[in-house]
Amino acid sequence: RNLASTRGCARAVAGHNLAGYGGGISGYHFVTNCAIIGNKADLRGGGACHYTYLDGCRILNNVCVSGDGGGAYKPNRVRNSIVKGNSAKHGGGVYGDSTGSVIDSVVSENEASGYGGGICAVPTVSNSLVSLNVAAGGAGLFAWDLAQSKAYDSLICSNRNGSVSAAAESVGGGINRYQVFGGAIFANYAN
């Protein structure tokens, strides 16, 4: 609680049992009112990795070098938080799985070289602002499975697909494969 994790690094090293997960935080944690800034991981979760509850946090400028989840990888919940300026292959801001949610948060100015500049594969997004994110596909929100991914009462705006790479086709500037209930989708761009 009320802690700052800055400039951490998780490297994948062959033969040394270092997986390269969670540059700032890794494992099951309840993290409240914290700053997770400028951390780096090789494979997953530049800022935070696996089963974390992030509440009232600033998750800023974290990098996942060759994997998913620049800001957070498979968090149980991100609530009342700012996720900004992070980057990864998929899920520049937040990368999820079959559980997890982003609630009452701002996810902005994140980047993915593949899918989901802001949010990738998080099943529930609610009452959040997802804006100014960049990716090759689904710059704001991207899901692998339409049936399991829902966005409620959120603003999805000013996201854009960047240059097309081998990792993804340029589709869904704002949203790709999410069911949307309420909110607004505007000023997004698909290259």
C-alpha atoms as a PDB file:
ATOM      1  CA  ARG A   1       0.000   0.000   0.000  1.00  0.00           C
ATOM      2  CA  ASN A   2       1.234   3.489  -0.927  1.00  0.00           C
ATOM      3  CA  LEU A   3       4.429   2.183  -2.445  1.00  0.00           C
ATOM      4  CA  ALA A   4       6.324   3.122  -5.571  1.00  0.00           C
ATOM      5  CA  SER A   5       7.924   0.555  -7.871  1.00  0.00           C
ATOM      6  CA  THR A   6      10.225   2.263 -10.342  1.00  0.00           C
ATOM      7  CA  ARG A   7      12.876   1.217 -12.820  1.00  0.00           C
ATOM      8  CA  GLY A   8      12.622  -2.516 -12.069  1.00  0.00           C
ATOM      9  CA  CYS A   9      13.745  -5.067 -14.643  1.00  0.00           C
ATOM     10  CA  ALA A  10      12.850  -8.740 -15.190  1.00  0.00           C
ATOM     11  CA  ARG A  11      15.198 -10.437 -17.654  1.00  0.00           C
ATOM     12  CA  ALA A  12      14.843 -13.828 -19.272  1.00  0.00           C
ATOM     13  CA  VAL A  13      18.169 -15.603 -18.846  1.00  0.00           C
ATOM     14  CA  ALA A  14      18.696 -19.066 -20.311  1.00  0.00           C
ATOM     15  CA  GLY A  15      19.885 -21.611 -17.761  1.00  0.00           C
ATOM     16  CA  HIS A  16      19.273 -19.328 -14.782  1.00  0.00           C
ATOM     17  CA  ASN A  17      15.530 -19.954 -14.245  1.00  0.00           C
ATOM     18  CA  LEU A  18      14.692 -16.272 -14.701  1.00  0.00           C
ATOM     19  CA  ALA A  19      11.488 -15.989 -16.681  1.00  0.00           C
ATOM     20  CA  GLY A  20      11.433 -12.279 -17.482  1.00  0.00           C
ATOM     21  CA  TYR A  21       7.965 -11.674 -15.937  1.00  0.00           C
ATOM     22  CA  GLY A  22       6.819  -8.639 -13.964  1.00  0.00           C
ATOM     23  CA  GLY A  23       9.354  -5.841 -14.197  1.00  0.00           C
ATOM     24  CA  GLY A  24       7.776  -3.999 -11.256  1.00  0.00           C
ATOM     25  CA  ILE A  25       5.563  -6.551  -9.477  1.00  0.00           C
ATOM     26  CA  SER A  26       4.990 -10.266 -10.049  1.00  0.00           C
ATOM     27  CA  GLY A  27       2.619 -12.641  -8.309  1.00  0.00           C
ATOM     28  CA  TYR A  28      -0.564 -12.400  -6.275  1.00  0.00           C
ATOM     29  CA  HIS A  29      -0.825  -8.945  -4.681  1.00  0.00           C
ATOM     30  CA  PHE A  30      -3.344  -6.323  -3.622  1.00  0.00           C
ATOM     31  CA  VAL A  31      -1.743  -3.036  -4.688  1.00  0.00           C
ATOM     32  CA  THR A  32      -3.480   0.183  -3.615  1.00  0.00           C
ATOM     33  CA  ASN A  33      -2.600   3.849  -4.258  1.00  0.00           C
ATOM     34  CA  CYS A  34       0.792   3.012  -5.735  1.00  0.00           C
ATOM     35  CA  ALA A  35       2.966   4.225  -8.584  1.00  0.00           C
ATOM     36  CA  ILE A  36       4.330   1.560 -10.947  1.00  0.00           C
ATOM     37  CA  ILE A  37       6.575   3.577 -13.246  1.00  0.00           C
ATOM     38  CA  GLY A  38       9.358   2.888 -15.762  1.00  0.00           C
ATOM     39  CA  ASN A  39       9.733  -0.875 -15.251  1.00  0.00           C
ATOM     40  CA  LYS A  40      10.699  -3.403 -17.926  1.00  0.00           C
ATOM     41  CA  ALA A  41      10.184  -7.127 -18.520  1.00  0.00           C
ATOM     42  CA  ASP A  42      11.412  -9.261 -21.382  1.00  0.00           C
ATOM     43  CA  LEU A  43       8.412 -11.596 -21.702  1.00  0.00           C
ATOM     44  CA  ARG A  44       5.291 -10.548 -19.731  1.00  0.00           C
ATOM     45  CA  GLY A  45       4.054  -7.676 -17.626  1.00  0.00           C
ATOM     46  CA  GLY A  46       6.368  -4.704 -17.850  1.00  0.00           C
ATOM     47  CA  GLY A  47       4.750  -3.078 -14.813  1.00  0.00           C
ATOM     48  CA  ALA A  48       2.786  -5.851 -13.075  1.00  0.00           C
ATOM     49  CA  CYS A  49       2.336  -9.542 -13.840  1.00  0.00           C
ATOM     50  CA  HIS A  50      -0.222 -12.187 -12.792  1.00  0.00           C
ATOM     51  CA  TYR A  51      -3.210 -12.052 -10.465  1.00  0.00           C
ATOM     52  CA  THR A  52      -2.786  -8.570  -9.057  1.00  0.00           C
ATOM     53  CA  TYR A  53      -5.554  -6.277  -7.849  1.00  0.00           C
ATOM     54  CA  LEU A  54      -4.513  -2.753  -8.799  1.00  0.00           C
ATOM     55  CA  ASP A  55      -6.650  -0.055  -7.180  1.00  0.00           C
ATOM     56  CA  GLY A  56      -5.958   3.680  -7.356  1.00  0.00           C
ATOM     57  CA  CYS A  57      -2.604   3.123  -9.056  1.00  0.00           C
ATOM     58  CA  ARG A  58      -0.594   5.039 -11.643  1.00  0.00           C
ATOM     59  CA  ILE A  59       0.866   2.523 -14.103  1.00  0.00           C
ATOM     60  CA  LEU A  60       3.108   4.634 -16.313  1.00  0.00           C
ATOM     61  CA  ASN A  61       5.828   4.158 -18.946  1.00  0.00           C
ATOM     62  CA  ASN A  62       6.431   0.431 -18.448  1.00  0.00           C
ATOM     63  CA  VAL A  63       7.689  -1.815 -21.278  1.00  0.00           C
ATOM     64  CA  CYS A  64       7.338  -5.471 -22.135  1.00  0.00           C
ATOM     65  CA  VAL A  65      10.093  -5.990 -24.684  1.00  0.00           C
ATOM     66  CA  SER A  66       8.945  -9.048 -26.644  1.00  0.00           C
ATOM     67  CA  GLY A  67       5.726 -10.222 -24.991  1.00  0.00           C
ATOM     68  CA  ASP A  68       2.351  -9.032 -23.719  1.00  0.00           C
ATOM     69  CA  GLY A  69       1.086  -6.535 -21.159  1.00  0.00           C
ATOM     70  CA  GLY A  70       3.214  -3.404 -21.075  1.00  0.00           C
ATOM     71  CA  GLY A  71       1.448  -1.939 -18.039  1.00  0.00           C
ATOM     72  CA  ALA A  72      -0.135  -5.089 -16.595  1.00  0.00           C
ATOM     73  CA  TYR A  73      -0.304  -8.739 -17.665  1.00  0.00           C
ATOM     74  CA  LYS A  74      -3.345 -10.805 -16.572  1.00  0.00           C
ATOM     75  CA  PRO A  75      -4.437  -8.674 -13.624  1.00  0.00           C
ATOM     76  CA  ASN A  76      -7.555  -9.769 -11.734  1.00  0.00           C
ATOM     77  CA  ARG A  77      -8.700  -6.166 -11.603  1.00  0.00           C
ATOM     78  CA  VAL A  78      -7.533  -2.669 -12.498  1.00  0.00           C
ATOM     79  CA  ARG A  79      -9.782  -0.087 -10.817  1.00  0.00           C
ATOM     80  CA  ASN A  80      -9.645   3.696 -10.351  1.00  0.00           C
ATOM     81  CA  SER A  81      -6.239   3.700 -12.014  1.00  0.00           C
ATOM     82  CA  ILE A  82      -4.340   5.494 -14.777  1.00  0.00           C
ATOM     83  CA  VAL A  83      -2.584   3.232 -17.293  1.00  0.00           C
ATOM     84  CA  LYS A  84      -0.557   5.488 -19.585  1.00  0.00           C
ATOM     85  CA  GLY A  85       2.494   5.420 -21.850  1.00  0.00           C
ATOM     86  CA  ASN A  86       3.144   1.645 -21.677  1.00  0.00           C
ATOM     87  CA  SER A  87       4.141  -0.628 -24.585  1.00  0.00           C
ATOM     88  CA  ALA A  88       4.180  -4.325 -25.523  1.00  0.00           C
ATOM     89  CA  LYS A  89       3.582  -6.722 -28.408  1.00  0.00           C
ATOM     90  CA  HIS A  90      -0.110  -7.220 -27.442  1.00  0.00           C
ATOM     91  CA  GLY A  91      -1.930  -5.224 -24.782  1.00  0.00           C
ATOM     92  CA  GLY A  92       0.226  -2.137 -24.545  1.00  0.00           C
ATOM     93  CA  GLY A  93      -1.694  -0.972 -21.484  1.00  0.00           C
ATOM     94  CA  VAL A  94      -3.343  -4.124 -20.119  1.00  0.00           C
ATOM     95  CA  TYR A  95      -3.335  -7.739 -21.353  1.00  0.00           C
ATOM     96  CA  GLY A  96      -5.950 -10.088 -19.868  1.00  0.00           C
ATOM     97  CA  ASP A  97      -7.272 -13.616 -20.121  1.00  0.00           C
ATOM     98  CA  SER A  98     -10.574 -15.357 -19.313  1.00  0.00           C
ATOM     99  CA  THR A  99     -10.942 -13.399 -16.059  1.00  0.00           C
ATOM    100  CA  GLY A 100     -10.181  -9.819 -15.123  1.00  0.00           C
ATOM    101  CA  SER A 101     -11.605  -6.346 -15.477  1.00  0.00           C
ATOM    102  CA  VAL A 102     -10.729  -2.706 -16.027  1.00  0.00           C
ATOM    103  CA  ILE A 103     -13.152  -0.483 -14.079  1.00  0.00           C
ATOM    104  CA  ASP A 104     -13.377   3.320 -13.623  1.00  0.00           C
ATOM    105  CA  SER A 105      -9.922   3.798 -15.134  1.00  0.00           C
ATOM    106  CA  VAL A 106      -8.107   5.813 -17.795  1.00  0.00           C
ATOM    107  CA  VAL A 107      -6.144   3.762 -20.354  1.00  0.00           C
ATOM    108  CA  SER A 108      -4.367   6.225 -22.621  1.00  0.00           C
ATOM    109  CA  GLU A 109      -1.330   6.708 -24.875  1.00  0.00           C
ATOM    110  CA  ASN A 110      -0.259   3.048 -24.787  1.00  0.00           C
ATOM    111  CA  GLU A 111       1.169   1.194 -27.790  1.00  0.00           C
ATOM    112  CA  ALA A 112       1.201  -2.375 -29.111  1.00  0.00           C
ATOM    113  CA  SER A 113       3.114  -3.579 -32.145  1.00  0.00           C
ATOM    114  CA  GLY A 114       0.394  -6.242 -32.565  1.00  0.00           C
ATOM    115  CA  TYR A 115      -3.124  -6.107 -31.082  1.00  0.00           C
ATOM    116  CA  GLY A 116      -4.767  -4.027 -28.378  1.00  0.00           C
ATOM    117  CA  GLY A 117      -2.828  -0.822 -27.892  1.00  0.00           C
ATOM    118  CA  GLY A 118      -4.890   0.071 -24.833  1.00  0.00           C
ATOM    119  CA  ILE A 119      -6.488  -3.184 -23.712  1.00  0.00           C
ATOM    120  CA  CYS A 120      -6.170  -6.714 -25.103  1.00  0.00           C
ATOM    121  CA  ALA A 121      -8.349  -9.688 -24.078  1.00  0.00           C
ATOM    122  CA  VAL A 122      -9.688  -8.278 -20.800  1.00  0.00           C
ATOM    123  CA  PRO A 123     -13.233  -9.722 -20.522  1.00  0.00           C
ATOM    124  CA  THR A 124     -14.866  -6.734 -18.795  1.00  0.00           C
ATOM    125  CA  VAL A 125     -14.193  -3.039 -19.355  1.00  0.00           C
ATOM    126  CA  SER A 126     -16.552  -0.715 -17.487  1.00  0.00           C
ATOM    127  CA  ASN A 127     -16.921   3.060 -16.963  1.00  0.00           C
ATOM    128  CA  SER A 128     -13.467   3.734 -18.381  1.00  0.00           C
ATOM    129  CA  LEU A 129     -11.821   6.117 -20.848  1.00  0.00           C
ATOM    130  CA  VAL A 130      -9.765   4.332 -23.517  1.00  0.00           C
ATOM    131  CA  SER A 131      -8.091   6.942 -25.709  1.00  0.00           C
ATOM    132  CA  LEU A 132      -5.049   7.863 -27.790  1.00  0.00           C
ATOM    133  CA  ASN A 133      -3.755   4.285 -27.949  1.00  0.00           C
ATOM    134  CA  VAL A 134      -1.929   2.905 -31.008  1.00  0.00           C
ATOM    135  CA  ALA A 135      -1.719  -0.651 -32.377  1.00  0.00           C
ATOM    136  CA  ALA A 136      -1.718  -2.505 -35.664  1.00  0.00           C
ATOM    137  CA  GLY A 137      -5.136  -4.019 -34.811  1.00  0.00           C
ATOM    138  CA  GLY A 138      -7.839  -3.013 -32.304  1.00  0.00           C
ATOM    139  CA  ALA A 139      -5.978   0.036 -31.075  1.00  0.00           C
ATOM    140  CA  GLY A 140      -8.361   0.813 -28.207  1.00  0.00           C
ATOM    141  CA  LEU A 141      -9.806  -2.604 -27.344  1.00  0.00           C
ATOM    142  CA  PHE A 142      -8.999  -5.976 -28.900  1.00  0.00           C
ATOM    143  CA  ALA A 143     -10.345  -9.404 -27.910  1.00  0.00           C
ATOM    144  CA  TRP A 144      -9.559 -12.877 -29.162  1.00  0.00           C
ATOM    145  CA  ASP A 145     -13.141 -14.029 -28.399  1.00  0.00           C
ATOM    146  CA  LEU A 146     -16.154 -11.782 -29.039  1.00  0.00           C
ATOM    147  CA  ALA A 147     -18.463 -13.913 -26.883  1.00  0.00           C
ATOM    148  CA  GLN A 148     -16.415 -13.350 -23.713  1.00  0.00           C
ATOM    149  CA  SER A 149     -15.483  -9.658 -24.064  1.00  0.00           C
ATOM    150  CA  LYS A 150     -17.788  -6.810 -23.062  1.00  0.00           C
ATOM    151  CA  ALA A 151     -17.393  -3.039 -22.680  1.00  0.00           C
ATOM    152  CA  TYR A 152     -19.936  -1.149 -20.567  1.00  0.00           C
ATOM    153  CA  ASP A 153     -20.518   2.627 -20.434  1.00  0.00           C
ATOM    154  CA  SER A 154     -16.999   3.497 -21.576  1.00  0.00           C
ATOM    155  CA  LEU A 155     -15.605   6.181 -23.884  1.00  0.00           C
ATOM    156  CA  ILE A 156     -13.467   4.736 -26.682  1.00  0.00           C
ATOM    157  CA  CYS A 157     -11.986   7.660 -28.591  1.00  0.00           C
ATOM    158  CA  SER A 158      -9.047   8.901 -30.651  1.00  0.00           C
ATOM    159  CA  ASN A 159      -7.349   5.501 -30.906  1.00  0.00           C
ATOM    160  CA  ARG A 160      -5.601   4.635 -34.158  1.00  0.00           C
ATOM    161  CA  ASN A 161      -4.073   1.777 -35.994  1.00  0.00           C
ATOM    162  CA  GLY A 162      -0.445   2.494 -36.723  1.00  0.00           C
ATOM    163  CA  SER A 163       1.594   1.026 -39.522  1.00  0.00           C
ATOM    164  CA  VAL A 164       0.680  -2.480 -40.565  1.00  0.00           C
ATOM    165  CA  SER A 165       3.220  -5.035 -39.384  1.00  0.00           C
ATOM    166  CA  ALA A 166       3.587  -8.757 -39.876  1.00  0.00           C
ATOM    167  CA  ALA A 167       2.138  -9.190 -36.372  1.00  0.00           C
ATOM    168  CA  ALA A 168      -1.358  -7.898 -37.170  1.00  0.00           C
ATOM    169  CA  GLU A 169      -3.670  -6.688 -39.875  1.00  0.00           C
ATOM    170  CA  SER A 170      -4.894  -3.106 -39.623  1.00  0.00           C
ATOM    171  CA  VAL A 171      -8.483  -3.465 -38.362  1.00  0.00           C
ATOM    172  CA  GLY A 172     -10.602  -1.809 -35.691  1.00  0.00           C
ATOM    173  CA  GLY A 173      -9.069   1.534 -34.863  1.00  0.00           C
ATOM    174  CA  GLY A 174     -11.269   1.806 -31.775  1.00  0.00           C
ATOM    175  CA  ILE A 175     -12.602  -1.682 -31.056  1.00  0.00           C
ATOM    176  CA  ASN A 176     -12.161  -5.149 -32.511  1.00  0.00           C
ATOM    177  CA  ARG A 177     -14.234  -8.132 -31.199  1.00  0.00           C
ATOM    178  CA  TYR A 178     -15.862  -6.569 -28.123  1.00  0.00           C
ATOM    179  CA  GLN A 179     -19.584  -6.371 -27.366  1.00  0.00           C
ATOM    180  CA  VAL A 180     -20.408  -2.774 -26.434  1.00  0.00           C
ATOM    181  CA  PHE A 181     -23.197  -1.699 -24.069  1.00  0.00           C
ATOM    182  CA  GLY A 182     -23.610   2.075 -23.636  1.00  0.00           C
ATOM    183  CA  GLY A 183     -20.869   4.675 -23.727  1.00  0.00           C
ATOM    184  CA  ALA A 184     -19.505   6.318 -26.865  1.00  0.00           C
ATOM    185  CA  ILE A 185     -17.117   5.408 -29.669  1.00  0.00           C
ATOM    186  CA  PHE A 186     -15.758   8.337 -31.673  1.00  0.00           C
ATOM    187  CA  ALA A 187     -12.768   9.802 -33.549  1.00  0.00           C
ATOM    188  CA  ASN A 188     -10.961   6.451 -33.928  1.00  0.00           C
ATOM    189  CA  TYR A 189      -8.947   5.674 -37.062  1.00  0.00           C
ATOM    190  CA  ALA A 190      -8.271   2.429 -38.919  1.00  0.00           C
ATOM    191  CA  ASN A 191      -5.345   2.685 -41.341  1.00  0.00           C
END
